[in-house]
Protein backbone atom coordinates (compact mmCIF):
# COMPACT_ATOMS: atom_id res chain seq x y z
CA UNK A 1 33.28 55.90 27.22
CA UNK A 2 34.84 52.95 25.55
CA UNK A 3 36.77 49.74 26.20
CA UNK A 4 39.98 51.49 25.35
CA UNK A 5 40.40 55.08 26.56
CA UNK A 6 36.92 55.80 27.83
CA UNK A 7 35.13 58.75 29.21
CA UNK A 8 32.63 58.08 31.98
CA UNK A 9 29.03 58.65 31.05
CA UNK A 10 25.73 58.16 32.67
CA UNK A 11 22.15 59.39 35.49
CA UNK A 12 18.00 61.93 35.49
CA UNK A 13 15.01 60.29 36.94
CA UNK A 14 12.61 62.94 35.76
CA UNK A 15 13.64 62.96 32.09
CA UNK A 16 13.85 66.72 31.60
CA UNK A 17 15.18 67.79 28.23
CA UNK A 18 17.47 70.63 29.36
CA UNK A 19 17.62 72.18 25.94
CA UNK A 20 18.96 69.28 23.91
CA UNK A 21 18.33 69.58 20.17
CA UNK A 22 15.83 67.06 18.81
CA UNK A 23 17.58 63.86 17.70
CA UNK A 24 16.47 61.07 15.40
CA UNK A 25 13.37 59.15 16.62
CA UNK A 26 13.95 56.24 18.98
CA UNK A 27 14.92 53.05 17.20
CA UNK A 28 15.40 54.77 13.84
CA UNK A 29 18.95 54.61 12.52
CA UNK A 30 19.70 56.91 9.61
CA UNK A 31 19.99 55.15 6.28
CA UNK A 32 21.62 56.34 3.09
CA UNK A 33 19.36 58.10 0.64
CA UNK A 34 18.54 55.83 -2.28
CA UNK A 35 17.24 58.69 -4.39
CA UNK A 36 19.26 61.80 -5.11
CA UNK A 37 18.03 64.55 -2.76
CA UNK A 38 16.71 67.75 -4.34
CA UNK A 39 19.09 70.53 -5.11
CA UNK A 40 19.34 73.04 -2.30
CA UNK A 41 18.31 76.60 -2.99
CA UNK A 42 20.64 79.08 -1.38
CA UNK A 43 19.12 80.56 1.74
CA UNK A 44 16.55 77.80 2.21
CA UNK A 45 17.27 76.52 5.72
CA UNK A 46 14.90 73.55 5.49
CA UNK A 47 16.54 72.26 2.31
CA UNK A 48 19.94 72.88 3.90
CA UNK A 49 18.94 70.75 6.91
CA UNK A 50 17.56 67.97 4.71
CA UNK A 51 20.75 67.69 2.70
CA UNK A 52 22.84 67.68 5.87
CA UNK A 53 20.75 64.74 7.08
CA UNK A 54 21.17 62.99 3.73
CA UNK A 55 24.95 63.42 3.97
CA UNK A 56 25.00 61.94 7.48
CA UNK A 57 22.80 59.02 6.38
CA UNK A 58 25.10 58.37 3.43
CA UNK A 59 28.12 58.50 5.75
CA UNK A 60 26.58 55.78 7.94
CA UNK A 61 25.98 53.62 4.87
CA UNK A 62 29.58 54.05 3.75
CA UNK A 63 30.80 53.28 7.27
CA UNK A 64 28.82 50.04 7.29
CA UNK A 65 30.44 49.05 4.02
CA UNK A 66 34.06 49.90 4.78
CA UNK A 67 34.60 51.62 8.11
CA UNK A 68 35.69 55.22 8.57
CA UNK A 69 38.23 54.88 5.76
CA UNK A 70 35.33 54.52 3.32
CA UNK A 71 33.78 57.80 4.44
CA UNK A 72 35.28 60.45 2.16
CA UNK A 73 33.79 63.56 0.65
CA UNK A 74 34.29 62.04 -2.82
CA UNK A 75 32.46 58.84 -1.86
CA UNK A 76 29.64 60.82 -0.28
CA UNK A 77 29.32 62.93 -3.41
CA UNK A 78 29.07 59.85 -5.60
CA UNK A 79 26.43 58.29 -3.37
CA UNK A 80 24.37 61.48 -3.32
CA UNK A 81 24.87 62.35 -6.99
CA UNK A 82 26.56 65.66 -6.27
CA UNK A 83 29.95 67.24 -6.68
CA UNK A 84 32.37 66.83 -3.80
CA UNK A 85 32.92 70.59 -3.62
CA UNK A 86 29.18 71.23 -3.13
CA UNK A 87 29.22 69.18 0.09
CA UNK A 88 31.65 71.61 1.70
CA UNK A 89 28.78 74.09 1.99
CA UNK A 90 27.33 71.80 4.65
CA UNK A 91 30.37 70.25 6.33
CA UNK A 92 33.99 71.37 6.53
CA UNK A 93 35.17 67.87 5.65
CA UNK A 94 35.13 64.22 6.62
CA UNK A 95 35.87 64.92 10.28
CA UNK A 96 32.88 67.23 10.57
CA UNK A 97 30.62 64.61 8.94
CA UNK A 98 31.76 61.94 11.40
CA UNK A 99 31.31 64.29 14.34
CA UNK A 100 27.73 64.96 13.24
CA UNK A 101 27.14 61.22 12.88
CA UNK A 102 28.32 60.73 16.46
CA UNK A 103 26.00 63.51 17.60
CA UNK A 104 23.06 61.76 15.92
CA UNK A 105 23.98 58.46 17.61
CA UNK A 106 24.13 60.01 21.07
CA UNK A 107 20.95 61.95 20.41
CA UNK A 108 19.15 58.67 19.76
CA UNK A 109 20.70 57.14 22.87
CA UNK A 110 19.47 60.04 24.99
CA UNK A 111 15.90 59.64 23.72
CA UNK A 112 15.98 55.90 24.43
CA UNK A 113 17.30 56.40 27.96
CA UNK A 114 14.73 59.05 28.77
CA UNK A 115 12.02 56.74 27.51
CA UNK A 116 13.13 54.10 30.03
CA UNK A 117 12.38 56.28 33.03
CA UNK A 118 9.21 56.10 35.08
CA UNK A 119 9.19 58.96 37.64
CA UNK A 120 6.81 56.95 39.83
CA UNK A 121 9.33 54.13 40.32
CA UNK A 122 12.07 53.89 42.92
CA UNK A 123 15.64 54.99 42.25
CA UNK A 124 16.74 51.35 42.18
CA UNK A 125 14.11 50.56 39.56
CA UNK A 126 15.09 53.57 37.46
CA UNK A 127 18.72 52.59 37.73
CA UNK A 128 18.02 49.09 36.48
CA UNK A 129 15.91 50.50 33.64
CA UNK A 130 18.76 52.76 32.53
CA UNK A 131 21.24 49.89 32.56
CA UNK A 132 18.83 47.80 30.49
CA UNK A 133 18.24 50.72 28.13
CA UNK A 134 21.92 51.46 27.65
CA UNK A 135 22.83 47.83 26.96
CA UNK A 136 19.84 47.30 24.71
CA UNK A 137 20.53 50.42 22.66
CA UNK A 138 23.95 49.20 21.52
CA UNK A 139 22.82 45.58 21.13
CA UNK A 140 20.16 46.71 18.67
CA UNK A 141 22.59 49.01 16.82
CA UNK A 142 25.91 47.15 16.44
CA UNK A 143 27.03 49.55 13.70
CA UNK A 144 26.67 52.43 16.13
CA UNK A 145 28.70 50.56 18.73
CA UNK A 146 31.45 49.89 16.25
CA UNK A 147 31.47 53.53 15.15
CA UNK A 148 31.65 54.97 18.67
CA UNK A 149 33.78 52.44 20.53
CA UNK A 150 35.88 50.60 17.97
CA UNK A 151 37.12 53.35 15.66
CA UNK A 152 39.35 56.38 15.95
CA UNK A 153 37.70 59.75 16.31
CA UNK A 154 38.21 62.67 13.92
CA UNK A 155 40.74 64.04 16.41
CA UNK A 156 43.01 61.14 15.45
CA UNK A 157 43.09 59.72 18.97
CA UNK A 158 41.56 56.22 19.22
CA UNK A 159 38.46 56.14 21.34
CA UNK A 160 38.42 59.89 21.99
CA UNK A 161 35.40 61.88 20.84
CA UNK A 162 35.75 65.64 20.72
CA UNK A 163 33.33 66.87 23.41
CA UNK A 164 32.38 70.00 21.48
CA UNK A 165 31.04 67.75 18.69
CA UNK A 166 28.58 66.06 21.06
CA UNK A 167 27.49 68.85 23.39
CA UNK A 168 24.90 69.41 24.65
CA UNK A 169 23.68 65.88 23.88
CA UNK A 170 26.66 64.15 25.44
CA UNK A 171 26.51 66.39 28.49
CA UNK A 172 22.84 65.55 28.94
CA UNK A 173 23.64 61.82 28.92
CA UNK A 174 26.31 62.37 31.56
CA UNK A 175 23.86 64.35 33.67
CA UNK A 176 21.15 61.73 33.25
CA UNK A 177 23.26 58.97 34.75
CA UNK A 178 24.83 61.22 37.37
CA UNK A 179 21.40 62.17 38.69
CA UNK A 180 20.16 58.61 38.91
CA UNK A 181 23.38 57.62 40.69
CA UNK A 182 22.86 60.36 43.26
CA UNK A 183 19.21 59.38 43.72
CA UNK A 184 20.26 55.77 44.18
CA UNK A 185 22.82 56.74 46.81
CA UNK A 186 20.18 58.74 48.69
CA UNK A 187 17.74 55.85 48.56
CA UNK A 188 20.41 53.47 49.87
CA UNK A 189 21.26 55.91 52.67
CA UNK A 190 24.89 56.29 51.61
CA UNK A 191 27.02 59.38 51.12
CA UNK A 192 28.03 61.05 47.88
CA UNK A 193 31.77 60.49 48.04
CA UNK A 194 31.69 57.49 45.65
CA UNK A 195 29.30 58.78 42.99
CA UNK A 196 31.92 59.20 40.27
CA UNK A 197 33.42 55.81 41.02
CA UNK A 198 29.98 54.19 40.78
CA UNK A 199 29.38 55.86 37.40
CA UNK A 200 32.68 54.56 36.05
CA UNK A 201 32.15 51.08 37.46
CA UNK A 202 28.75 50.78 35.82
CA UNK A 203 30.11 51.92 32.48
CA UNK A 204 33.12 49.60 32.62
CA UNK A 205 30.96 46.57 33.41
CA UNK A 206 28.35 47.39 30.77
CA UNK A 207 30.96 47.92 28.07
CA UNK A 208 32.66 44.69 29.07
CA UNK A 209 29.46 42.79 28.32
CA UNK A 210 28.89 44.71 25.08
CA UNK A 211 32.45 44.06 23.95
CA UNK A 212 31.90 40.34 24.41
CA UNK A 213 28.49 40.47 22.78
CA UNK A 214 29.32 42.63 19.76
CA UNK A 215 33.07 42.47 19.19
CA UNK A 216 33.99 38.87 20.00
CA UNK A 217 31.77 36.65 17.82
CA UNK A 218 34.42 33.93 17.51
CA UNK A 219 33.98 32.77 21.07
CA UNK A 220 31.42 29.93 21.31
CA UNK A 221 28.95 31.82 23.47
CA UNK A 222 26.04 29.87 24.89
CA UNK A 223 22.72 31.44 25.86
CA UNK A 224 23.11 35.18 25.44
CA UNK A 225 19.74 35.88 27.04
CA UNK A 226 20.86 34.27 30.29
CA UNK A 227 24.27 35.93 30.08
CA UNK A 228 22.67 39.33 29.54
CA UNK A 229 20.32 38.87 32.49
CA UNK A 230 23.21 37.85 34.73
CA UNK A 231 25.35 40.78 33.57
CA UNK A 232 22.61 43.35 34.19
CA UNK A 233 22.06 41.87 37.66
CA UNK A 234 25.81 42.02 38.32
CA UNK A 235 26.04 45.65 37.19
CA UNK A 236 23.11 46.76 39.33
CA UNK A 237 24.48 44.94 42.37
CA UNK A 238 28.04 46.18 41.88
CA UNK A 239 26.94 49.82 41.69
CA UNK A 240 24.86 49.47 44.85
CA UNK A 241 27.79 47.89 46.71
CA UNK A 242 30.09 50.64 45.46
CA UNK A 243 27.79 53.35 46.77
CA UNK A 244 27.10 51.63 50.09
CA UNK A 245 30.15 49.41 50.75
CA UNK A 246 29.32 48.99 54.45
CA UNK A 247 25.68 47.98 53.96
CA UNK A 248 24.80 44.47 55.23
CA UNK A 249 24.71 41.80 52.57
CA UNK A 250 21.98 39.25 52.12
CA UNK A 251 23.01 35.75 53.11
């Protein structure tokens, strides 16, 4: 799911949760704790959870300052006012912290996408709403985009996120888009043989716009509002044509 080496993602018109753990509230990015969190008492699960969240928030702050290279257990310990060894009670190491940060990001994305859906609307309207929601999520969170799409994963492979680190959240996002793609195909009266291709096409086009918007600031872009509107329209139209390639076109 990225400009280089991507996994397809996206489709659920009814917005069912399917057992996904609760993620951060919509529109709320974690921020590093400014005050030192309280010491955790052994066996206290609530304190354990709070410190895990503080570690993830601190990791995002360090990432904003210096990329993934800046996220180390020593740097996290300094930011949180703790010993580096104490953090290993909560995460096995830097890779585990970054994986949890990715899980938080995709948890927020899932909540935003579900919030875009109106079960009373048509499949075409829901599809457009999901495209708008996906694009808008990353536009409003450029640090998240850079973390997910422009850095190497803990596995050491650029652009590859370890699926086990994101499940079930990542799987729910895939299912959400897959369902809306199927509903769109049914509404257009087309078959299901091009569903996967339509999912990948939508993702490729959306990430192309986001790459231009967020990763290429040197180009003298004009009116981004008009460009965004045109890109969303192009994505919606391209997916429809992919699903129903033989449908008559408007003159």
